[in-house]
Amino acid sequence: MPQITYDVSEKIPEADGNRKSTRDVAPYGLVLVQGNWILIAHCDLRQEIRHFRLSRMTGLTVLEDRFLIPNGFNLNNYRPPDDRNVQVLLRANPEIADKIAETCHFYLESIEDCRDELLVHFLVRQPEELLPYILSWGGDVEVLEPKSLRHRIREEAEKISKRY
């Protein structure tokens, strides 16, 4: 059965740093993930199934183009490929172990209890995915690896301290 293609404007960072792009997508369905509605769709630009958070969309235009959902695609059985391959290692205060586990369970690989501290291992696509979480944990965590994320945290902390 033919479906309608959507033009989706979404506030996501592109490779050039631009936070807005327009995508022509063929919608396969909506799913609720961790309290966020996600559009699962085939993206014409990327030529693959992509995920678009509805809360980031700024516009929607129904186009005249039509498409068919591929034979064998079942939204209930669909699982995206796990392309997380960058390891992040933090040293953390044991008192916030529950906070770390609750807010980052998707990225969390393991927590090692080492007497007075925790070693927390994450697996991410890009280290910046953890930036808001790490900043929210403040002085209770220290980024050990990768060095690039350690430097990025320092830059953000310096920006914050200049405002106060």
N, C-alpha and C. Protein backbone atom coordinates (compact mmCIF):
# COMPACT_ATOMS: atom_id res chain seq x y z
N MET A 1 0.85 -1.18 0.00
CA MET A 1 0.00 0.00 0.00
C MET A 1 0.89 1.24 0.00
N PRO A 2 0.64 2.22 -0.88
CA PRO A 2 1.46 3.44 -0.93
C PRO A 2 1.30 4.26 0.34
N GLN A 3 2.37 4.89 0.70
CA GLN A 3 2.38 5.80 1.84
C GLN A 3 2.80 7.18 1.35
N ILE A 4 2.83 8.13 2.27
CA ILE A 4 3.21 9.50 1.91
C ILE A 4 4.61 9.79 2.45
N THR A 5 5.40 10.51 1.67
CA THR A 5 6.73 10.93 2.09
C THR A 5 6.62 12.25 2.82
N TYR A 6 7.44 12.43 3.85
CA TYR A 6 7.43 13.65 4.63
C TYR A 6 8.72 14.41 4.45
N ASP A 7 8.63 15.71 4.53
CA ASP A 7 9.79 16.59 4.56
C ASP A 7 9.98 16.97 6.03
N VAL A 8 11.09 16.56 6.62
CA VAL A 8 11.30 16.74 8.05
C VAL A 8 12.42 17.73 8.29
N SER A 9 12.14 18.81 9.01
CA SER A 9 13.19 19.73 9.44
C SER A 9 13.50 19.39 10.89
N GLU A 10 14.77 19.15 11.18
CA GLU A 10 15.12 18.69 12.51
C GLU A 10 16.34 19.45 13.01
N LYS A 11 16.34 19.80 14.31
CA LYS A 11 17.46 20.51 14.93
C LYS A 11 18.50 19.51 15.42
N ILE A 12 19.28 18.95 14.49
CA ILE A 12 20.35 18.03 14.87
C ILE A 12 21.64 18.54 14.25
N PRO A 13 22.76 18.38 14.93
CA PRO A 13 24.01 18.87 14.38
C PRO A 13 24.44 18.07 13.15
N GLU A 14 24.77 18.75 12.09
CA GLU A 14 25.35 18.13 10.91
C GLU A 14 26.86 18.13 11.06
N ALA A 15 27.55 17.50 10.12
CA ALA A 15 29.01 17.44 10.19
C ALA A 15 29.64 18.83 10.19
N ASP A 16 28.99 19.79 9.53
CA ASP A 16 29.53 21.15 9.47
C ASP A 16 29.13 22.01 10.68
N GLY A 17 28.44 21.39 11.66
CA GLY A 17 28.04 22.13 12.86
C GLY A 17 26.66 22.75 12.75
N ASN A 18 26.09 22.78 11.55
CA ASN A 18 24.75 23.32 11.35
C ASN A 18 23.75 22.46 12.13
N ARG A 19 22.88 23.10 12.89
CA ARG A 19 21.93 22.37 13.71
C ARG A 19 20.56 22.24 13.07
N LYS A 20 20.45 22.56 11.79
CA LYS A 20 19.15 22.42 11.13
C LYS A 20 19.36 21.83 9.75
N SER A 21 18.55 20.84 9.43
CA SER A 21 18.59 20.24 8.11
C SER A 21 17.18 19.88 7.70
N THR A 22 16.97 19.74 6.42
CA THR A 22 15.68 19.32 5.90
C THR A 22 15.88 17.96 5.26
N ARG A 23 15.05 17.02 5.62
CA ARG A 23 15.17 15.66 5.11
C ARG A 23 13.87 15.22 4.47
N ASP A 24 13.98 14.54 3.34
CA ASP A 24 12.84 13.85 2.77
C ASP A 24 12.92 12.43 3.27
N VAL A 25 11.85 11.98 3.94
CA VAL A 25 11.87 10.65 4.53
C VAL A 25 10.59 9.89 4.19
N ALA A 26 10.70 8.58 4.21
CA ALA A 26 9.55 7.70 4.05
C ALA A 26 9.26 7.11 5.43
N PRO A 27 8.19 7.54 6.09
CA PRO A 27 7.94 7.12 7.47
C PRO A 27 7.47 5.67 7.56
N TYR A 28 8.14 4.91 8.45
CA TYR A 28 7.76 3.52 8.68
C TYR A 28 6.96 3.37 9.95
N GLY A 29 7.09 4.32 10.88
CA GLY A 29 6.31 4.23 12.11
C GLY A 29 6.86 5.11 13.21
N LEU A 30 6.08 5.23 14.27
CA LEU A 30 6.47 5.99 15.46
C LEU A 30 6.66 5.03 16.62
N VAL A 31 7.71 5.30 17.42
CA VAL A 31 7.95 4.50 18.62
C VAL A 31 8.25 5.45 19.77
N LEU A 32 7.93 5.01 20.97
CA LEU A 32 8.22 5.78 22.18
C LEU A 32 9.46 5.16 22.82
N VAL A 33 10.55 5.95 22.88
CA VAL A 33 11.82 5.47 23.43
C VAL A 33 12.22 6.40 24.57
N GLN A 34 12.30 5.85 25.77
CA GLN A 34 12.71 6.60 26.95
C GLN A 34 11.97 7.94 27.06
N GLY A 35 10.66 7.91 26.82
CA GLY A 35 9.84 9.10 26.95
C GLY A 35 9.88 10.04 25.77
N ASN A 36 10.53 9.65 24.68
CA ASN A 36 10.62 10.48 23.48
C ASN A 36 10.01 9.77 22.29
N TRP A 37 9.14 10.48 21.55
CA TRP A 37 8.57 9.91 20.34
C TRP A 37 9.60 10.01 19.22
N ILE A 38 9.83 8.88 18.56
CA ILE A 38 10.83 8.78 17.50
C ILE A 38 10.14 8.32 16.22
N LEU A 39 10.41 9.02 15.13
CA LEU A 39 9.95 8.61 13.81
C LEU A 39 11.01 7.70 13.21
N ILE A 40 10.64 6.47 12.91
CA ILE A 40 11.53 5.53 12.21
C ILE A 40 11.19 5.70 10.73
N ALA A 41 12.21 6.06 9.93
CA ALA A 41 11.93 6.38 8.54
C ALA A 41 13.15 6.10 7.66
N HIS A 42 12.89 5.87 6.39
CA HIS A 42 13.98 5.77 5.42
C HIS A 42 14.31 7.20 4.98
N CYS A 43 15.56 7.60 5.15
CA CYS A 43 16.01 8.95 4.83
C CYS A 43 16.60 8.96 3.41
N ASP A 44 16.04 9.81 2.55
CA ASP A 44 16.56 9.90 1.18
C ASP A 44 17.99 10.41 1.14
N LEU A 45 18.35 11.32 2.03
CA LEU A 45 19.70 11.87 2.06
C LEU A 45 20.73 10.80 2.43
N ARG A 46 20.47 10.05 3.47
CA ARG A 46 21.44 9.04 3.98
C ARG A 46 21.25 7.67 3.32
N GLN A 47 20.12 7.49 2.64
CA GLN A 47 19.80 6.22 1.98
C GLN A 47 19.83 5.03 2.95
N GLU A 48 19.24 5.26 4.13
CA GLU A 48 19.13 4.20 5.13
C GLU A 48 18.05 4.57 6.12
N ILE A 49 17.68 3.60 6.94
CA ILE A 49 16.70 3.88 7.99
C ILE A 49 17.38 4.74 9.05
N ARG A 50 16.69 5.82 9.41
CA ARG A 50 17.20 6.75 10.43
C ARG A 50 16.11 6.99 11.46
N HIS A 51 16.51 7.60 12.57
CA HIS A 51 15.58 7.89 13.67
C HIS A 51 15.53 9.40 13.87
N PHE A 52 14.31 9.94 13.97
CA PHE A 52 14.11 11.38 14.10
C PHE A 52 13.22 11.65 15.31
N ARG A 53 13.76 12.39 16.28
CA ARG A 53 12.95 12.76 17.46
C ARG A 53 11.93 13.81 17.07
N LEU A 54 10.67 13.54 17.37
CA LEU A 54 9.61 14.49 17.03
C LEU A 54 9.81 15.82 17.73
N SER A 55 10.35 15.82 18.95
CA SER A 55 10.53 17.06 19.69
C SER A 55 11.55 17.98 19.04
N ARG A 56 12.38 17.46 18.15
CA ARG A 56 13.37 18.29 17.46
C ARG A 56 12.88 18.80 16.12
N MET A 57 11.75 18.33 15.68
CA MET A 57 11.23 18.74 14.37
C MET A 57 10.61 20.12 14.47
N THR A 58 10.89 20.93 13.46
CA THR A 58 10.33 22.28 13.43
C THR A 58 9.29 22.45 12.34
N GLY A 59 9.17 21.47 11.46
CA GLY A 59 8.19 21.59 10.40
C GLY A 59 7.93 20.24 9.77
N LEU A 60 6.81 20.14 9.10
CA LEU A 60 6.44 18.90 8.44
C LEU A 60 5.64 19.27 7.20
N THR A 61 6.06 18.78 6.07
CA THR A 61 5.37 19.04 4.82
C THR A 61 5.08 17.72 4.14
N VAL A 62 3.82 17.46 3.82
CA VAL A 62 3.46 16.24 3.10
C VAL A 62 3.76 16.47 1.62
N LEU A 63 4.56 15.56 1.05
CA LEU A 63 4.93 15.66 -0.36
C LEU A 63 4.04 14.74 -1.20
N GLU A 64 4.08 14.92 -2.50
CA GLU A 64 3.26 14.11 -3.40
C GLU A 64 3.87 12.73 -3.65
N ASP A 65 5.19 12.59 -3.44
CA ASP A 65 5.87 11.32 -3.70
C ASP A 65 5.27 10.21 -2.86
N ARG A 66 5.30 8.99 -3.41
CA ARG A 66 4.78 7.83 -2.69
C ARG A 66 5.88 6.77 -2.60
N PHE A 67 5.73 5.87 -1.63
CA PHE A 67 6.70 4.81 -1.43
C PHE A 67 5.99 3.60 -0.85
N LEU A 68 6.68 2.48 -0.84
CA LEU A 68 6.18 1.27 -0.20
C LEU A 68 7.13 0.89 0.93
N ILE A 69 6.57 0.48 2.05
CA ILE A 69 7.40 -0.05 3.13
C ILE A 69 7.97 -1.37 2.62
N PRO A 70 9.26 -1.58 2.78
CA PRO A 70 9.88 -2.80 2.24
C PRO A 70 9.23 -4.07 2.76
N ASN A 71 9.13 -5.06 1.89
CA ASN A 71 8.62 -6.37 2.31
C ASN A 71 9.48 -6.89 3.45
N GLY A 72 8.84 -7.44 4.44
CA GLY A 72 9.57 -8.01 5.55
C GLY A 72 9.87 -7.03 6.68
N PHE A 73 9.67 -5.73 6.44
CA PHE A 73 9.91 -4.77 7.53
C PHE A 73 8.75 -4.86 8.51
N ASN A 74 9.09 -5.03 9.78
CA ASN A 74 8.09 -5.12 10.84
C ASN A 74 8.55 -4.21 11.97
N LEU A 75 7.83 -3.14 12.20
CA LEU A 75 8.22 -2.17 13.23
C LEU A 75 8.35 -2.83 14.61
N ASN A 76 7.49 -3.79 14.91
CA ASN A 76 7.55 -4.46 16.21
C ASN A 76 8.83 -5.26 16.39
N ASN A 77 9.40 -5.76 15.30
CA ASN A 77 10.62 -6.58 15.39
C ASN A 77 11.88 -5.80 15.03
N TYR A 78 11.72 -4.56 14.59
CA TYR A 78 12.87 -3.76 14.14
C TYR A 78 13.80 -3.42 15.30
N ARG A 79 15.07 -3.65 15.11
CA ARG A 79 16.10 -3.26 16.07
C ARG A 79 17.21 -2.58 15.28
N PRO A 80 17.53 -1.33 15.62
CA PRO A 80 18.59 -0.63 14.87
C PRO A 80 19.94 -1.28 15.12
N PRO A 81 20.84 -1.18 14.15
CA PRO A 81 22.19 -1.72 14.38
C PRO A 81 22.88 -0.94 15.50
N ASP A 82 23.66 -1.63 16.30
CA ASP A 82 24.39 -0.97 17.39
C ASP A 82 25.74 -0.53 16.83
N ASP A 83 25.83 0.76 16.50
CA ASP A 83 27.06 1.29 15.91
C ASP A 83 27.89 2.07 16.92
N ARG A 84 27.68 1.78 18.20
CA ARG A 84 28.49 2.41 19.23
C ARG A 84 29.83 1.68 19.28
N ASN A 85 30.93 2.39 19.06
CA ASN A 85 32.23 1.73 19.08
C ASN A 85 33.34 2.56 19.73
N VAL A 86 32.97 3.69 20.34
CA VAL A 86 33.96 4.53 21.03
C VAL A 86 33.82 4.29 22.53
N GLN A 87 34.92 3.92 23.16
CA GLN A 87 34.89 3.67 24.59
C GLN A 87 35.20 4.94 25.37
N VAL A 88 34.44 5.16 26.45
CA VAL A 88 34.66 6.28 27.35
C VAL A 88 34.82 5.69 28.75
N LEU A 89 35.83 6.16 29.45
CA LEU A 89 36.10 5.69 30.80
C LEU A 89 36.06 6.87 31.77
N LEU A 90 35.26 6.75 32.83
CA LEU A 90 35.15 7.78 33.86
C LEU A 90 35.55 7.20 35.20
N ARG A 91 36.09 8.06 36.06
CA ARG A 91 36.26 7.75 37.47
C ARG A 91 35.14 8.53 38.17
N ALA A 92 34.40 7.86 39.04
CA ALA A 92 33.24 8.51 39.65
C ALA A 92 33.17 8.25 41.14
N ASN A 93 32.53 9.18 41.83
CA ASN A 93 32.22 9.05 43.25
C ASN A 93 31.15 7.96 43.38
N PRO A 94 31.37 6.96 44.23
CA PRO A 94 30.38 5.88 44.38
C PRO A 94 29.00 6.36 44.79
N GLU A 95 28.91 7.52 45.39
CA GLU A 95 27.61 8.03 45.85
C GLU A 95 26.66 8.38 44.71
N ILE A 96 27.19 8.53 43.49
CA ILE A 96 26.30 8.85 42.37
C ILE A 96 26.14 7.68 41.41
N ALA A 97 26.49 6.49 41.82
CA ALA A 97 26.37 5.30 40.95
C ALA A 97 24.95 5.14 40.43
N ASP A 98 23.94 5.36 41.29
CA ASP A 98 22.56 5.21 40.86
C ASP A 98 22.18 6.26 39.82
N LYS A 99 22.67 7.48 40.00
CA LYS A 99 22.38 8.55 39.05
C LYS A 99 22.98 8.22 37.68
N ILE A 100 24.20 7.73 37.67
CA ILE A 100 24.85 7.36 36.41
C ILE A 100 24.07 6.25 35.72
N ALA A 101 23.72 5.22 36.47
CA ALA A 101 22.99 4.09 35.89
C ALA A 101 21.62 4.49 35.36
N GLU A 102 20.94 5.40 36.05
CA GLU A 102 19.60 5.82 35.63
C GLU A 102 19.62 6.69 34.40
N THR A 103 20.59 7.59 34.30
CA THR A 103 20.57 8.56 33.20
C THR A 103 21.28 8.08 31.95
N CYS A 104 22.17 7.12 32.06
CA CYS A 104 22.97 6.71 30.90
C CYS A 104 22.94 5.22 30.65
N HIS A 105 21.84 4.56 30.98
CA HIS A 105 21.84 3.10 30.85
C HIS A 105 22.04 2.61 29.43
N PHE A 106 21.63 3.39 28.43
CA PHE A 106 21.83 2.98 27.04
C PHE A 106 23.31 2.88 26.70
N TYR A 107 24.11 3.81 27.21
CA TYR A 107 25.53 3.86 26.90
C TYR A 107 26.39 3.02 27.86
N LEU A 108 25.85 2.73 29.02
CA LEU A 108 26.62 2.09 30.10
C LEU A 108 26.99 0.66 29.75
N GLU A 109 28.27 0.35 29.85
CA GLU A 109 28.76 -1.01 29.62
C GLU A 109 29.02 -1.72 30.94
N SER A 110 29.72 -1.03 31.87
CA SER A 110 29.99 -1.66 33.16
C SER A 110 30.40 -0.62 34.19
N ILE A 111 30.23 -0.98 35.45
CA ILE A 111 30.69 -0.17 36.57
C ILE A 111 31.54 -1.08 37.45
N GLU A 112 32.78 -0.67 37.66
CA GLU A 112 33.68 -1.43 38.53
C GLU A 112 33.81 -0.69 39.86
N ASP A 113 33.54 -1.39 40.94
CA ASP A 113 33.67 -0.80 42.27
C ASP A 113 35.10 -1.00 42.74
N CYS A 114 35.85 0.08 42.86
CA CYS A 114 37.27 0.04 43.27
C CYS A 114 37.43 0.83 44.56
N ARG A 115 37.10 0.23 45.65
CA ARG A 115 37.17 0.82 46.99
C ARG A 115 36.46 2.17 47.08
N ASP A 116 37.22 3.26 46.96
CA ASP A 116 36.66 4.60 47.17
C ASP A 116 36.19 5.28 45.89
N GLU A 117 36.22 4.57 44.79
CA GLU A 117 35.81 5.16 43.52
C GLU A 117 35.22 4.10 42.62
N LEU A 118 34.55 4.57 41.59
CA LEU A 118 34.00 3.68 40.57
C LEU A 118 34.72 3.94 39.27
N LEU A 119 34.96 2.91 38.50
CA LEU A 119 35.40 3.07 37.12
C LEU A 119 34.20 2.71 36.26
N VAL A 120 33.77 3.68 35.46
CA VAL A 120 32.55 3.52 34.68
C VAL A 120 32.92 3.48 33.20
N HIS A 121 32.50 2.41 32.53
CA HIS A 121 32.80 2.21 31.12
C HIS A 121 31.54 2.44 30.29
N PHE A 122 31.67 3.28 29.26
CA PHE A 122 30.57 3.56 28.35
C PHE A 122 31.00 3.18 26.93
N LEU A 123 30.02 2.91 26.08
CA LEU A 123 30.25 2.70 24.67
C LEU A 123 29.30 3.64 23.92
N VAL A 124 29.87 4.54 23.11
CA VAL A 124 29.09 5.58 22.44
C VAL A 124 29.46 5.66 20.97
N ARG A 125 28.65 6.39 20.20
CA ARG A 125 29.00 6.68 18.81
C ARG A 125 30.02 7.81 18.76
N GLN A 126 29.74 8.84 19.56
CA GLN A 126 30.60 10.00 19.66
C GLN A 126 30.70 10.38 21.13
N PRO A 127 31.90 10.68 21.63
CA PRO A 127 32.04 11.02 23.05
C PRO A 127 31.15 12.19 23.48
N GLU A 128 30.85 13.11 22.57
CA GLU A 128 30.04 14.28 22.92
C GLU A 128 28.63 13.90 23.35
N GLU A 129 28.20 12.68 23.04
CA GLU A 129 26.88 12.24 23.47
C GLU A 129 26.77 12.24 25.00
N LEU A 130 27.88 12.05 25.67
CA LEU A 130 27.88 12.02 27.14
C LEU A 130 28.11 13.38 27.78
N LEU A 131 28.44 14.38 27.00
CA LEU A 131 28.80 15.70 27.52
C LEU A 131 27.78 16.26 28.51
N PRO A 132 26.49 16.33 28.19
CA PRO A 132 25.55 16.93 29.15
C PRO A 132 25.45 16.14 30.45
N TYR A 133 25.55 14.83 30.36
CA TYR A 133 25.48 14.00 31.57
C TYR A 133 26.69 14.25 32.46
N ILE A 134 27.87 14.22 31.85
CA ILE A 134 29.10 14.40 32.62
C ILE A 134 29.11 15.76 33.29
N LEU A 135 28.70 16.79 32.56
CA LEU A 135 28.65 18.12 33.16
C LEU A 135 27.64 18.17 34.30
N SER A 136 26.54 17.45 34.18
CA SER A 136 25.53 17.46 35.26
C SER A 136 26.03 16.77 36.52
N TRP A 137 26.99 15.87 36.38
CA TRP A 137 27.53 15.19 37.55
C TRP A 137 28.63 15.98 38.23
N GLY A 138 29.06 17.09 37.61
CA GLY A 138 30.01 18.01 38.23
C GLY A 138 31.29 17.37 38.69
N GLY A 139 31.74 17.76 39.88
CA GLY A 139 33.01 17.30 40.43
C GLY A 139 33.00 15.86 40.91
N ASP A 140 31.87 15.18 40.76
CA ASP A 140 31.80 13.78 41.19
C ASP A 140 32.33 12.80 40.15
N VAL A 141 32.73 13.33 38.97
CA VAL A 141 33.29 12.45 37.94
C VAL A 141 34.53 13.08 37.31
N GLU A 142 35.36 12.22 36.76
CA GLU A 142 36.53 12.66 36.01
C GLU A 142 36.63 11.79 34.77
N VAL A 143 36.77 12.41 33.61
CA VAL A 143 36.95 11.66 32.37
C VAL A 143 38.40 11.20 32.30
N LEU A 144 38.60 9.90 32.16
CA LEU A 144 39.94 9.35 32.02
C LEU A 144 40.28 9.13 30.53
N GLU A 145 39.32 8.64 29.77
CA GLU A 145 39.51 8.38 28.34
C GLU A 145 38.20 8.64 27.62
N PRO A 146 38.22 9.12 26.40
CA PRO A 146 39.37 9.55 25.61
C PRO A 146 39.83 10.95 26.02
N LYS A 147 41.04 11.24 25.70
CA LYS A 147 41.62 12.55 26.05
C LYS A 147 40.84 13.68 25.40
N SER A 148 40.32 13.45 24.19
CA SER A 148 39.57 14.51 23.50
C SER A 148 38.34 14.92 24.31
N LEU A 149 37.66 13.97 24.93
CA LEU A 149 36.49 14.30 25.75
C LEU A 149 36.93 14.99 27.04
N ARG A 150 38.03 14.57 27.59
CA ARG A 150 38.58 15.22 28.78
C ARG A 150 38.83 16.70 28.51
N HIS A 151 39.43 17.00 27.35
CA HIS A 151 39.70 18.40 26.97
C HIS A 151 38.40 19.15 26.71
N ARG A 152 37.42 18.49 26.11
CA ARG A 152 36.13 19.13 25.81
C ARG A 152 35.41 19.51 27.10
N ILE A 153 35.47 18.64 28.10
CA ILE A 153 34.85 18.93 29.40
C ILE A 153 35.54 20.14 30.03
N ARG A 154 36.86 20.18 29.95
CA ARG A 154 37.61 21.31 30.50
C ARG A 154 37.19 22.62 29.82
N GLU A 155 37.06 22.59 28.48
CA GLU A 155 36.63 23.79 27.74
C GLU A 155 35.27 24.27 28.21
N GLU A 156 34.33 23.34 28.36
CA GLU A 156 32.98 23.72 28.80
C GLU A 156 33.00 24.27 30.22
N ALA A 157 33.78 23.65 31.10
CA ALA A 157 33.87 24.14 32.48
C ALA A 157 34.47 25.55 32.51
N GLU A 158 35.45 25.82 31.66
CA GLU A 158 36.04 27.16 31.59
C GLU A 158 35.02 28.17 31.09
N LYS A 159 34.21 27.81 30.09
CA LYS A 159 33.17 28.70 29.59
C LYS A 159 32.18 29.03 30.71
N ILE A 160 31.80 28.00 31.46
CA ILE A 160 30.85 28.21 32.55
C ILE A 160 31.44 29.11 33.62
N SER A 161 32.69 28.87 33.98
CA SER A 161 33.30 29.65 35.07
C SER A 161 33.47 31.12 34.67
N LYS A 162 33.63 31.42 33.40
CA LYS A 162 33.78 32.81 32.94
C LYS A 162 32.47 33.59 33.09
N ARG A 163 31.36 32.89 33.15
CA ARG A 163 30.06 33.55 33.28
C ARG A 163 29.74 33.91 34.73
N TYR A 164 30.50 33.38 35.68
CA TYR A 164 30.19 33.63 37.10
C TYR A 164 31.29 34.38 37.78
